[in-house]
């Protein structure tokens, strides 16, 4: 399993800038999801 990850990382090298943009994108999506969940909040 560890070996697989190493191979994958070698196939897809990610530099710090790319990683930062990926994290930013993920945070944006999480924020949007949070907002959507609040809007769609259904009381049970």
N, C-alpha and C. Protein backbone atom coordinates (compact mmCIF):
# COMPACT_ATOMS: atom_id res chain seq x y z
N UNK A 1 0.84 -1.20 0.00
CA UNK A 1 0.00 0.00 0.00
C UNK A 1 0.88 1.25 0.00
N UNK A 2 1.92 1.21 0.81
CA UNK A 2 2.84 2.34 0.84
C UNK A 2 3.52 2.51 -0.52
N UNK A 3 3.92 1.39 -1.10
CA UNK A 3 4.60 1.42 -2.40
C UNK A 3 3.69 2.05 -3.46
N UNK A 4 2.43 1.70 -3.43
CA UNK A 4 1.48 2.23 -4.40
C UNK A 4 1.43 3.75 -4.32
N UNK A 5 1.41 4.27 -3.10
CA UNK A 5 1.36 5.72 -2.92
C UNK A 5 2.61 6.38 -3.50
N UNK A 6 3.76 5.76 -3.27
CA UNK A 6 5.01 6.31 -3.79
C UNK A 6 4.97 6.36 -5.32
N UNK A 7 4.52 5.27 -5.92
CA UNK A 7 4.44 5.22 -7.38
C UNK A 7 3.48 6.29 -7.88
N UNK A 8 2.36 6.42 -7.22
CA UNK A 8 1.37 7.41 -7.62
C UNK A 8 1.95 8.82 -7.53
N UNK A 9 2.67 9.09 -6.44
CA UNK A 9 3.27 10.41 -6.27
C UNK A 9 4.30 10.69 -7.36
N UNK A 10 5.03 9.66 -7.76
CA UNK A 10 6.02 9.85 -8.81
C UNK A 10 5.34 10.11 -10.15
N UNK A 11 4.23 9.46 -10.38
CA UNK A 11 3.50 9.66 -11.64
C UNK A 11 2.89 11.06 -11.68
N UNK A 12 2.40 11.52 -10.55
CA UNK A 12 1.76 12.83 -10.50
C UNK A 12 2.52 13.74 -9.53
N UNK A 13 3.62 14.32 -10.00
CA UNK A 13 4.36 15.21 -9.11
C UNK A 13 3.57 16.48 -8.84
N UNK A 14 3.44 16.82 -7.58
CA UNK A 14 2.69 18.03 -7.21
C UNK A 14 3.65 18.99 -6.54
N UNK A 15 3.80 20.16 -7.11
CA UNK A 15 4.66 21.15 -6.45
C UNK A 15 3.83 21.94 -5.44
N UNK A 16 4.49 22.73 -4.64
CA UNK A 16 3.81 23.41 -3.53
C UNK A 16 2.70 24.34 -4.03
N UNK A 17 2.94 25.02 -5.13
CA UNK A 17 1.93 25.95 -5.64
C UNK A 17 0.66 25.20 -6.02
N UNK A 18 0.83 24.09 -6.74
CA UNK A 18 -0.34 23.29 -7.13
C UNK A 18 -1.08 22.81 -5.89
N UNK A 19 -0.30 22.35 -4.91
CA UNK A 19 -0.91 21.82 -3.70
C UNK A 19 -1.71 22.92 -2.99
N UNK A 20 -1.15 24.13 -2.95
CA UNK A 20 -1.85 25.25 -2.31
C UNK A 20 -3.18 25.51 -3.02
N UNK A 21 -3.15 25.54 -4.35
CA UNK A 21 -4.38 25.81 -5.09
C UNK A 21 -5.39 24.69 -4.88
N UNK A 22 -4.90 23.47 -4.77
CA UNK A 22 -5.81 22.34 -4.51
C UNK A 22 -6.47 22.52 -3.15
N UNK A 23 -5.68 22.90 -2.15
CA UNK A 23 -6.25 23.09 -0.80
C UNK A 23 -7.25 24.24 -0.82
N UNK A 24 -6.93 25.31 -1.54
CA UNK A 24 -7.85 26.44 -1.62
C UNK A 24 -9.16 26.01 -2.27
N UNK A 25 -9.06 25.28 -3.36
CA UNK A 25 -10.25 24.79 -4.05
C UNK A 25 -11.09 23.95 -3.09
N UNK A 26 -10.42 23.06 -2.37
CA UNK A 26 -11.13 22.18 -1.46
C UNK A 26 -11.83 22.99 -0.38
N UNK A 27 -11.16 24.02 0.13
CA UNK A 27 -11.77 24.86 1.16
C UNK A 27 -12.99 25.58 0.60
N UNK A 28 -12.87 26.07 -0.64
CA UNK A 28 -14.01 26.73 -1.27
C UNK A 28 -15.20 25.78 -1.36
N UNK A 29 -14.94 24.56 -1.83
CA UNK A 29 -16.01 23.57 -1.97
C UNK A 29 -16.63 23.28 -0.60
N UNK A 30 -15.78 23.12 0.41
CA UNK A 30 -16.30 22.85 1.75
C UNK A 30 -17.18 24.00 2.22
N UNK A 31 -16.74 25.23 1.96
CA UNK A 31 -17.53 26.39 2.36
C UNK A 31 -18.88 26.37 1.66
N UNK A 32 -18.86 26.11 0.36
CA UNK A 32 -20.11 26.08 -0.40
C UNK A 32 -21.02 24.98 0.13
N UNK A 33 -20.44 23.83 0.45
CA UNK A 33 -21.24 22.73 0.99
C UNK A 33 -21.85 23.13 2.33
N UNK A 34 -21.06 23.78 3.17
CA UNK A 34 -21.58 24.22 4.47
C UNK A 34 -22.77 25.15 4.27
N UNK A 35 -22.61 26.11 3.35
CA UNK A 35 -23.69 27.07 3.10
C UNK A 35 -24.92 26.33 2.58
N UNK A 36 -24.70 25.41 1.65
CA UNK A 36 -25.82 24.66 1.08
C UNK A 36 -26.53 23.86 2.17
N UNK A 37 -25.76 23.24 3.04
CA UNK A 37 -26.37 22.45 4.11
C UNK A 37 -27.22 23.34 5.00
N UNK A 38 -26.72 24.54 5.27
CA UNK A 38 -27.49 25.45 6.12
C UNK A 38 -28.79 25.86 5.42
N UNK A 39 -28.71 26.11 4.12
CA UNK A 39 -29.89 26.51 3.38
C UNK A 39 -30.91 25.38 3.32
N UNK A 40 -30.42 24.16 3.15
CA UNK A 40 -31.31 23.01 3.01
C UNK A 40 -31.65 22.37 4.36
N UNK A 41 -31.33 23.09 5.42
CA UNK A 41 -31.56 22.52 6.75
C UNK A 41 -33.04 22.16 6.93
N UNK A 42 -33.30 20.91 7.26
CA UNK A 42 -34.68 20.46 7.44
C UNK A 42 -34.88 20.05 8.90
N UNK A 43 -35.79 20.68 9.60
CA UNK A 43 -36.02 20.30 11.00
C UNK A 43 -36.75 18.98 11.10
N UNK A 44 -36.27 18.12 11.95
CA UNK A 44 -36.93 16.82 12.13
C UNK A 44 -37.63 16.79 13.47
